[in-house]
Amino acid sequence: MIFETERLEVRKLMTIDLDGFYELQSNPKVLQFATGEIKTFEENKTELASLIDRYSLSNNDFWIYAIIRKADLTFVGTIALVKD
């Protein structure tokens, strides 16, 4: 876990997040504030794996974390930390 609030937990992405990650990344209303590009399930699977792999890079300057609702452990979104 990275940090938590009363209702949410922020942690590293995991492969079990794929369905929620795909749902988020295939929503045009969400993506209008990010890349704007909707990807297929397979493309999201590849992207999720890449984001997970980035945690182990020593020169990483870009992290995406999962936001989980504690009440039911549902994936509800992501948060990014970018070294500037």
PDB file of N, CA and C in Angstrom:
ATOM      1  N   MET A   1       0.845  -1.173   0.000  1.00  0.00           N
ATOM      2  CA  MET A   1       0.000   0.000   0.000  1.00  0.00           C
ATOM      3  C   MET A   1       0.892   1.239   0.000  1.00  0.00           C
ATOM      4  N   ILE A   2       0.486   2.235  -0.779  1.00  0.00           N
ATOM      5  CA  ILE A   2       1.212   3.503  -0.831  1.00  0.00           C
ATOM      6  C   ILE A   2       0.685   4.424   0.265  1.00  0.00           C
ATOM      7  N   PHE A   3      -0.633   4.607   0.291  1.00  0.00           N
ATOM      8  CA  PHE A   3      -1.290   5.325   1.378  1.00  0.00           C
ATOM      9  C   PHE A   3      -2.768   4.985   1.367  1.00  0.00           C
ATOM     10  N   GLU A   4      -3.467   5.400   2.425  1.00  0.00           N
ATOM     11  CA  GLU A   4      -4.896   5.136   2.501  1.00  0.00           C
ATOM     12  C   GLU A   4      -5.612   6.309   3.153  1.00  0.00           C
ATOM     13  N   THR A   5      -6.896   6.382   2.861  1.00  0.00           N
ATOM     14  CA  THR A   5      -7.788   7.323   3.523  1.00  0.00           C
ATOM     15  C   THR A   5      -8.836   6.483   4.252  1.00  0.00           C
ATOM     16  N   GLU A   6      -9.813   7.113   4.813  1.00  0.00           N
ATOM     17  CA  GLU A   6     -10.849   6.371   5.516  1.00  0.00           C
ATOM     18  C   GLU A   6     -11.551   5.365   4.603  1.00  0.00           C
ATOM     19  N   ARG A   7     -11.769   5.748   3.340  1.00  0.00           N
ATOM     20  CA  ARG A   7     -12.534   4.895   2.425  1.00  0.00           C
ATOM     21  C   ARG A   7     -11.736   4.292   1.278  1.00  0.00           C
ATOM     22  N   LEU A   8     -10.537   4.815   1.011  1.00  0.00           N
ATOM     23  CA  LEU A   8      -9.779   4.383  -0.164  1.00  0.00           C
ATOM     24  C   LEU A   8      -8.381   3.910   0.210  1.00  0.00           C
ATOM     25  N   GLU A   9      -7.865   3.040  -0.627  1.00  0.00           N
ATOM     26  CA  GLU A   9      -6.486   2.583  -0.515  1.00  0.00           C
ATOM     27  C   GLU A   9      -5.809   2.835  -1.857  1.00  0.00           C
ATOM     28  N   VAL A  10      -4.608   3.377  -1.829  1.00  0.00           N
ATOM     29  CA  VAL A  10      -3.817   3.567  -3.040  1.00  0.00           C
ATOM     30  C   VAL A  10      -2.656   2.588  -2.959  1.00  0.00           C
ATOM     31  N   ARG A  11      -2.544   1.755  -3.981  1.00  0.00           N
ATOM     32  CA  ARG A  11      -1.518   0.713  -4.009  1.00  0.00           C
ATOM     33  C   ARG A  11      -1.006   0.544  -5.432  1.00  0.00           C
ATOM     34  N   LYS A  12       0.054  -0.235  -5.558  1.00  0.00           N
ATOM     35  CA  LYS A  12       0.577  -0.546  -6.882  1.00  0.00           C
ATOM     36  C   LYS A  12      -0.480  -1.304  -7.684  1.00  0.00           C
ATOM     37  N   LEU A  13      -0.467  -1.079  -8.979  1.00  0.00           N
ATOM     38  CA  LEU A  13      -1.330  -1.846  -9.874  1.00  0.00           C
ATOM     39  C   LEU A  13      -0.940  -3.314  -9.835  1.00  0.00           C
ATOM     40  N   MET A  14      -1.924  -4.189 -10.028  1.00  0.00           N
ATOM     41  CA  MET A  14      -1.697  -5.625 -10.080  1.00  0.00           C
ATOM     42  C   MET A  14      -2.491  -6.190 -11.256  1.00  0.00           C
ATOM     43  N   THR A  15      -2.126  -7.371 -11.691  1.00  0.00           N
ATOM     44  CA  THR A  15      -2.813  -7.967 -12.842  1.00  0.00           C
ATOM     45  C   THR A  15      -4.298  -8.188 -12.559  1.00  0.00           C
ATOM     46  N   ILE A  16      -4.685  -8.359 -11.306  1.00  0.00           N
ATOM     47  CA  ILE A  16      -6.112  -8.542 -10.985  1.00  0.00           C
ATOM     48  C   ILE A  16      -6.926  -7.276 -11.250  1.00  0.00           C
ATOM     49  N   ASP A  17      -6.263  -6.159 -11.514  1.00  0.00           N
ATOM     50  CA  ASP A  17      -6.940  -4.892 -11.795  1.00  0.00           C
ATOM     51  C   ASP A  17      -7.356  -4.758 -13.256  1.00  0.00           C
ATOM     52  N   LEU A  18      -7.063  -5.751 -14.072  1.00  0.00           N
ATOM     53  CA  LEU A  18      -7.262  -5.620 -15.522  1.00  0.00           C
ATOM     54  C   LEU A  18      -8.679  -5.233 -15.913  1.00  0.00           C
ATOM     55  N   ASP A  19      -9.682  -5.878 -15.383  1.00  0.00           N
ATOM     56  CA  ASP A  19     -11.058  -5.548 -15.784  1.00  0.00           C
ATOM     57  C   ASP A  19     -11.414  -4.101 -15.445  1.00  0.00           C
ATOM     58  N   GLY A  20     -11.103  -3.668 -14.241  1.00  0.00           N
ATOM     59  CA  GLY A  20     -11.374  -2.284 -13.849  1.00  0.00           C
ATOM     60  C   GLY A  20     -10.537  -1.295 -14.633  1.00  0.00           C
ATOM     61  N   PHE A  21      -9.278  -1.642 -14.880  1.00  0.00           N
ATOM     62  CA  PHE A  21      -8.384  -0.796 -15.659  1.00  0.00           C
ATOM     63  C   PHE A  21      -8.933  -0.625 -17.072  1.00  0.00           C
ATOM     64  N   TYR A  22      -9.365  -1.733 -17.669  1.00  0.00           N
ATOM     65  CA  TYR A  22      -9.937  -1.676 -19.012  1.00  0.00           C
ATOM     66  C   TYR A  22     -11.200  -0.814 -19.031  1.00  0.00           C
ATOM     67  N   GLU A  23     -12.064  -0.988 -18.050  1.00  0.00           N
ATOM     68  CA  GLU A  23     -13.298  -0.194 -17.986  1.00  0.00           C
ATOM     69  C   GLU A  23     -12.971   1.303 -17.922  1.00  0.00           C
ATOM     70  N   LEU A  24     -11.996   1.655 -17.135  1.00  0.00           N
ATOM     71  CA  LEU A  24     -11.564   3.047 -17.019  1.00  0.00           C
ATOM     72  C   LEU A  24     -10.978   3.548 -18.338  1.00  0.00           C
ATOM     73  N   GLN A  25     -10.082   2.749 -18.915  1.00  0.00           N
ATOM     74  CA  GLN A  25      -9.345   3.153 -20.116  1.00  0.00           C
ATOM     75  C   GLN A  25     -10.179   3.053 -21.397  1.00  0.00           C
ATOM     76  N   SER A  26     -11.384   2.528 -21.311  1.00  0.00           N
ATOM     77  CA  SER A  26     -12.239   2.462 -22.490  1.00  0.00           C
ATOM     78  C   SER A  26     -13.398   3.455 -22.401  1.00  0.00           C
ATOM     79  N   ASN A  27     -13.348   4.328 -21.421  1.00  0.00           N
ATOM     80  CA  ASN A  27     -14.388   5.332 -21.231  1.00  0.00           C
ATOM     81  C   ASN A  27     -13.932   6.648 -21.861  1.00  0.00           C
ATOM     82  N   PRO A  28     -14.577   7.081 -22.951  1.00  0.00           N
ATOM     83  CA  PRO A  28     -14.137   8.309 -23.623  1.00  0.00           C
ATOM     84  C   PRO A  28     -14.242   9.544 -22.734  1.00  0.00           C
ATOM     85  N   LYS A  29     -15.163   9.554 -21.799  1.00  0.00           N
ATOM     86  CA  LYS A  29     -15.285  10.707 -20.903  1.00  0.00           C
ATOM     87  C   LYS A  29     -14.087  10.804 -19.961  1.00  0.00           C
ATOM     88  N   VAL A  30     -13.549   9.683 -19.571  1.00  0.00           N
ATOM     89  CA  VAL A  30     -12.350   9.672 -18.730  1.00  0.00           C
ATOM     90  C   VAL A  30     -11.136  10.059 -19.550  1.00  0.00           C
ATOM     91  N   LEU A  31     -11.017   9.477 -20.724  1.00  0.00           N
ATOM     92  CA  LEU A  31      -9.826   9.672 -21.537  1.00  0.00           C
ATOM     93  C   LEU A  31      -9.726  11.052 -22.165  1.00  0.00           C
ATOM     94  N   GLN A  32     -10.802  11.812 -22.167  1.00  0.00           N
ATOM     95  CA  GLN A  32     -10.712  13.166 -22.714  1.00  0.00           C
ATOM     96  C   GLN A  32      -9.718  14.010 -21.913  1.00  0.00           C
ATOM     97  N   PHE A  33      -9.443  13.612 -20.671  1.00  0.00           N
ATOM     98  CA  PHE A  33      -8.498  14.343 -19.826  1.00  0.00           C
ATOM     99  C   PHE A  33      -7.118  13.699 -19.820  1.00  0.00           C
ATOM    100  N   ALA A  34      -6.952  12.628 -20.573  1.00  0.00           N
ATOM    101  CA  ALA A  34      -5.662  11.942 -20.640  1.00  0.00           C
ATOM    102  C   ALA A  34      -5.242  11.837 -22.093  1.00  0.00           C
ATOM    103  N   THR A  35      -5.100  10.623 -22.588  1.00  0.00           N
ATOM    104  CA  THR A  35      -4.614  10.428 -23.959  1.00  0.00           C
ATOM    105  C   THR A  35      -5.684  10.669 -25.001  1.00  0.00           C
ATOM    106  N   GLY A  36      -6.949  10.451 -24.642  1.00  0.00           N
ATOM    107  CA  GLY A  36      -8.027  10.589 -25.596  1.00  0.00           C
ATOM    108  C   GLY A  36      -8.198   9.380 -26.495  1.00  0.00           C
ATOM    109  N   GLU A  37      -7.297   8.401 -26.355  1.00  0.00           N
ATOM    110  CA  GLU A  37      -7.298   7.235 -27.231  1.00  0.00           C
ATOM    111  C   GLU A  37      -7.840   6.008 -26.498  1.00  0.00           C
ATOM    112  N   ILE A  38      -8.950   5.486 -26.986  1.00  0.00           N
ATOM    113  CA  ILE A  38      -9.531   4.284 -26.408  1.00  0.00           C
ATOM    114  C   ILE A  38      -8.792   3.074 -26.977  1.00  0.00           C
ATOM    115  N   LYS A  39      -8.432   2.145 -26.089  1.00  0.00           N
ATOM    116  CA  LYS A  39      -7.680   0.956 -26.495  1.00  0.00           C
ATOM    117  C   LYS A  39      -8.523  -0.298 -26.298  1.00  0.00           C
ATOM    118  N   THR A  40      -8.150  -1.334 -27.012  1.00  0.00           N
ATOM    119  CA  THR A  40      -8.824  -2.624 -26.884  1.00  0.00           C
ATOM    120  C   THR A  40      -8.448  -3.275 -25.560  1.00  0.00           C
ATOM    121  N   PHE A  41      -9.156  -4.347 -25.219  1.00  0.00           N
ATOM    122  CA  PHE A  41      -8.853  -5.090 -24.005  1.00  0.00           C
ATOM    123  C   PHE A  41      -7.407  -5.585 -24.029  1.00  0.00           C
ATOM    124  N   GLU A  42      -6.979  -6.136 -25.150  1.00  0.00           N
ATOM    125  CA  GLU A  42      -5.603  -6.648 -25.267  1.00  0.00           C
ATOM    126  C   GLU A  42      -4.575  -5.530 -25.144  1.00  0.00           C
ATOM    127  N   GLU A  43      -4.853  -4.378 -25.734  1.00  0.00           N
ATOM    128  CA  GLU A  43      -3.939  -3.236 -25.609  1.00  0.00           C
ATOM    129  C   GLU A  43      -3.843  -2.773 -24.156  1.00  0.00           C
ATOM    130  N   ASN A  44      -4.966  -2.787 -23.462  1.00  0.00           N
ATOM    131  CA  ASN A  44      -4.958  -2.421 -22.045  1.00  0.00           C
ATOM    132  C   ASN A  44      -4.221  -3.453 -21.209  1.00  0.00           C
ATOM    133  N   LYS A  45      -4.343  -4.711 -21.568  1.00  0.00           N
ATOM    134  CA  LYS A  45      -3.619  -5.771 -20.865  1.00  0.00           C
ATOM    135  C   LYS A  45      -2.115  -5.547 -20.988  1.00  0.00           C
ATOM    136  N   THR A  46      -1.672  -5.206 -22.184  1.00  0.00           N
ATOM    137  CA  THR A  46      -0.252  -4.920 -22.429  1.00  0.00           C
ATOM    138  C   THR A  46       0.186  -3.669 -21.670  1.00  0.00           C
ATOM    139  N   GLU A  47      -0.642  -2.633 -21.695  1.00  0.00           N
ATOM    140  CA  GLU A  47      -0.296  -1.393 -20.998  1.00  0.00           C
ATOM    141  C   GLU A  47      -0.216  -1.614 -19.490  1.00  0.00           C
ATOM    142  N   LEU A  48      -1.158  -2.358 -18.937  1.00  0.00           N
ATOM    143  CA  LEU A  48      -1.141  -2.642 -17.505  1.00  0.00           C
ATOM    144  C   LEU A  48       0.143  -3.375 -17.128  1.00  0.00           C
ATOM    145  N   ALA A  49       0.516  -4.368 -17.901  1.00  0.00           N
ATOM    146  CA  ALA A  49       1.750  -5.112 -17.635  1.00  0.00           C
ATOM    147  C   ALA A  49       2.964  -4.185 -17.686  1.00  0.00           C
ATOM    148  N   SER A  50       2.970  -3.277 -18.640  1.00  0.00           N
ATOM    149  CA  SER A  50       4.073  -2.320 -18.763  1.00  0.00           C
ATOM    150  C   SER A  50       4.142  -1.388 -17.553  1.00  0.00           C
ATOM    151  N   LEU A  51       2.995  -0.918 -17.096  1.00  0.00           N
ATOM    152  CA  LEU A  51       2.966  -0.040 -15.923  1.00  0.00           C
ATOM    153  C   LEU A  51       3.432  -0.782 -14.674  1.00  0.00           C
ATOM    154  N   ILE A  52       3.061  -2.031 -14.549  1.00  0.00           N
ATOM    155  CA  ILE A  52       3.505  -2.844 -13.415  1.00  0.00           C
ATOM    156  C   ILE A  52       5.020  -3.044 -13.475  1.00  0.00           C
ATOM    157  N   ASP A  53       5.547  -3.305 -14.657  1.00  0.00           N
ATOM    158  CA  ASP A  53       6.992  -3.491 -14.826  1.00  0.00           C
ATOM    159  C   ASP A  53       7.784  -2.239 -14.456  1.00  0.00           C
ATOM    160  N   ARG A  54       7.191  -1.073 -14.660  1.00  0.00           N
ATOM    161  CA  ARG A  54       7.890   0.191 -14.379  1.00  0.00           C
ATOM    162  C   ARG A  54       8.242   0.354 -12.905  1.00  0.00           C
ATOM    163  N   TYR A  55       7.499  -0.298 -12.013  1.00  0.00           N
ATOM    164  CA  TYR A  55       7.792  -0.171 -10.580  1.00  0.00           C
ATOM    165  C   TYR A  55       9.207  -0.634 -10.253  1.00  0.00           C
ATOM    166  N   SER A  56       9.743  -1.564 -11.011  1.00  0.00           N
ATOM    167  CA  SER A  56      11.063  -2.116 -10.707  1.00  0.00           C
ATOM    168  C   SER A  56      12.209  -1.399 -11.425  1.00  0.00           C
ATOM    169  N   LEU A  57      11.897  -0.412 -12.247  1.00  0.00           N
ATOM    170  CA  LEU A  57      12.957   0.314 -12.954  1.00  0.00           C
ATOM    171  C   LEU A  57      13.634   1.310 -12.014  1.00  0.00           C
ATOM    172  N   SER A  58      14.955   1.292 -11.995  1.00  0.00           N
ATOM    173  CA  SER A  58      15.682   2.189 -11.092  1.00  0.00           C
ATOM    174  C   SER A  58      15.604   3.655 -11.527  1.00  0.00           C
ATOM    175  N   ASN A  59      15.445   3.900 -12.811  1.00  0.00           N
ATOM    176  CA  ASN A  59      15.384   5.278 -13.309  1.00  0.00           C
ATOM    177  C   ASN A  59      13.959   5.714 -13.650  1.00  0.00           C
ATOM    178  N   ASN A  60      12.977   5.044 -13.079  1.00  0.00           N
ATOM    179  CA  ASN A  60      11.577   5.365 -13.354  1.00  0.00           C
ATOM    180  C   ASN A  60      11.232   6.751 -12.811  1.00  0.00           C
ATOM    181  N   ASP A  61      10.524   7.537 -13.591  1.00  0.00           N
ATOM    182  CA  ASP A  61      10.078   8.853 -13.124  1.00  0.00           C
ATOM    183  C   ASP A  61       8.570   9.041 -13.362  1.00  0.00           C
ATOM    184  N   PHE A  62       7.859   7.916 -13.537  1.00  0.00           N
ATOM    185  CA  PHE A  62       6.435   7.955 -13.840  1.00  0.00           C
ATOM    186  C   PHE A  62       5.767   6.717 -13.245  1.00  0.00           C
ATOM    187  N   TRP A  63       4.900   6.922 -12.263  1.00  0.00           N
ATOM    188  CA  TRP A  63       4.228   5.819 -11.604  1.00  0.00           C
ATOM    189  C   TRP A  63       2.723   6.001 -11.699  1.00  0.00           C
ATOM    190  N   ILE A  64       2.009   4.938 -11.961  1.00  0.00           N
ATOM    191  CA  ILE A  64       0.544   4.937 -11.922  1.00  0.00           C
ATOM    192  C   ILE A  64       0.144   3.938 -10.845  1.00  0.00           C
ATOM    193  N   TYR A  65      -0.718   4.374  -9.944  1.00  0.00           N
ATOM    194  CA  TYR A  65      -1.175   3.526  -8.848  1.00  0.00           C
ATOM    195  C   TYR A  65      -2.680   3.299  -8.950  1.00  0.00           C
ATOM    196  N   ALA A  66      -3.129   2.200  -8.367  1.00  0.00           N
ATOM    197  CA  ALA A  66      -4.552   1.850  -8.331  1.00  0.00           C
ATOM    198  C   ALA A  66      -5.215   2.516  -7.132  1.00  0.00           C
ATOM    199  N   ILE A  67      -6.457   2.926  -7.324  1.00  0.00           N
ATOM    200  CA  ILE A  67      -7.285   3.417  -6.221  1.00  0.00           C
ATOM    201  C   ILE A  67      -8.356   2.358  -5.983  1.00  0.00           C
ATOM    202  N   ILE A  68      -8.401   1.862  -4.753  1.00  0.00           N
ATOM    203  CA  ILE A  68      -9.298   0.764  -4.384  1.00  0.00           C
ATOM    204  C   ILE A  68     -10.261   1.241  -3.304  1.00  0.00           C
ATOM    205  N   ARG A  69     -11.550   0.973  -3.486  1.00  0.00           N
ATOM    206  CA  ARG A  69     -12.547   1.281  -2.461  1.00  0.00           C
ATOM    207  C   ARG A  69     -12.478   0.187  -1.398  1.00  0.00           C
ATOM    208  N   LYS A  70     -12.191   0.575  -0.174  1.00  0.00           N
ATOM    209  CA  LYS A  70     -12.001  -0.392   0.910  1.00  0.00           C
ATOM    210  C   LYS A  70     -13.246  -1.214   1.213  1.00  0.00           C
ATOM    211  N   ALA A  71     -14.419  -0.621   1.130  1.00  0.00           N
ATOM    212  CA  ALA A  71     -15.654  -1.298   1.527  1.00  0.00           C
ATOM    213  C   ALA A  71     -15.862  -2.620   0.795  1.00  0.00           C
ATOM    214  N   ASP A  72     -15.505  -2.654  -0.501  1.00  0.00           N
ATOM    215  CA  ASP A  72     -15.727  -3.873  -1.283  1.00  0.00           C
ATOM    216  C   ASP A  72     -14.523  -4.256  -2.149  1.00  0.00           C
ATOM    217  N   LEU A  73     -13.396  -3.581  -1.911  1.00  0.00           N
ATOM    218  CA  LEU A  73     -12.146  -3.850  -2.637  1.00  0.00           C
ATOM    219  C   LEU A  73     -12.279  -3.680  -4.145  1.00  0.00           C
ATOM    220  N   THR A  74     -13.158  -2.762  -4.561  1.00  0.00           N
ATOM    221  CA  THR A  74     -13.369  -2.489  -5.979  1.00  0.00           C
ATOM    222  C   THR A  74     -12.344  -1.486  -6.499  1.00  0.00           C
ATOM    223  N   PHE A  75     -11.793  -1.782  -7.665  1.00  0.00           N
ATOM    224  CA  PHE A  75     -10.909  -0.856  -8.378  1.00  0.00           C
ATOM    225  C   PHE A  75     -11.773   0.304  -8.866  1.00  0.00           C
ATOM    226  N   VAL A  76     -11.434   1.532  -8.454  1.00  0.00           N
ATOM    227  CA  VAL A  76     -12.253   2.672  -8.848  1.00  0.00           C
ATOM    228  C   VAL A  76     -11.507   3.702  -9.684  1.00  0.00           C
ATOM    229  N   GLY A  77     -10.189   3.531  -9.847  1.00  0.00           N
ATOM    230  CA  GLY A  77      -9.469   4.494 -10.665  1.00  0.00           C
ATOM    231  C   GLY A  77      -7.972   4.377 -10.496  1.00  0.00           C
ATOM    232  N   THR A  78      -7.291   5.369 -11.054  1.00  0.00           N
ATOM    233  CA  THR A  78      -5.834   5.423 -10.959  1.00  0.00           C
ATOM    234  C   THR A  78      -5.403   6.826 -10.570  1.00  0.00           C
ATOM    235  N   ILE A  79      -4.182   6.896 -10.105  1.00  0.00           N
ATOM    236  CA  ILE A  79      -3.567   8.172  -9.780  1.00  0.00           C
ATOM    237  C   ILE A  79      -2.124   8.100 -10.300  1.00  0.00           C
ATOM    238  N   ALA A  80      -1.633   9.215 -10.809  1.00  0.00           N
ATOM    239  CA  ALA A  80      -0.268   9.228 -11.365  1.00  0.00           C
ATOM    240  C   ALA A  80       0.636  10.104 -10.518  1.00  0.00           C
ATOM    241  N   LEU A  81       1.879   9.670 -10.416  1.00  0.00           N
ATOM    242  CA  LEU A  81       2.935  10.448  -9.787  1.00  0.00           C
ATOM    243  C   LEU A  81       4.030  10.597 -10.833  1.00  0.00           C
ATOM    244  N   VAL A  82       4.311  11.839 -11.200  1.00  0.00           N
ATOM    245  CA  VAL A  82       5.292  12.112 -12.241  1.00  0.00           C
ATOM    246  C   VAL A  82       6.396  12.970 -11.652  1.00  0.00           C
ATOM    247  N   LYS A  83       7.623  12.469 -11.726  1.00  0.00           N
ATOM    248  CA  LYS A  83       8.769  13.244 -11.240  1.00  0.00           C
ATOM    249  C   LYS A  83       9.036  14.354 -12.232  1.00  0.00           C
ATOM    250  N   ASP A  84       9.074  15.579 -11.731  1.00  0.00           N
ATOM    251  CA  ASP A  84       9.288  16.732 -12.610  1.00  0.00           C
ATOM    252  C   ASP A  84      10.543  17.463 -12.192  1.00  0.00           C
TER     253      ASP A  84
END
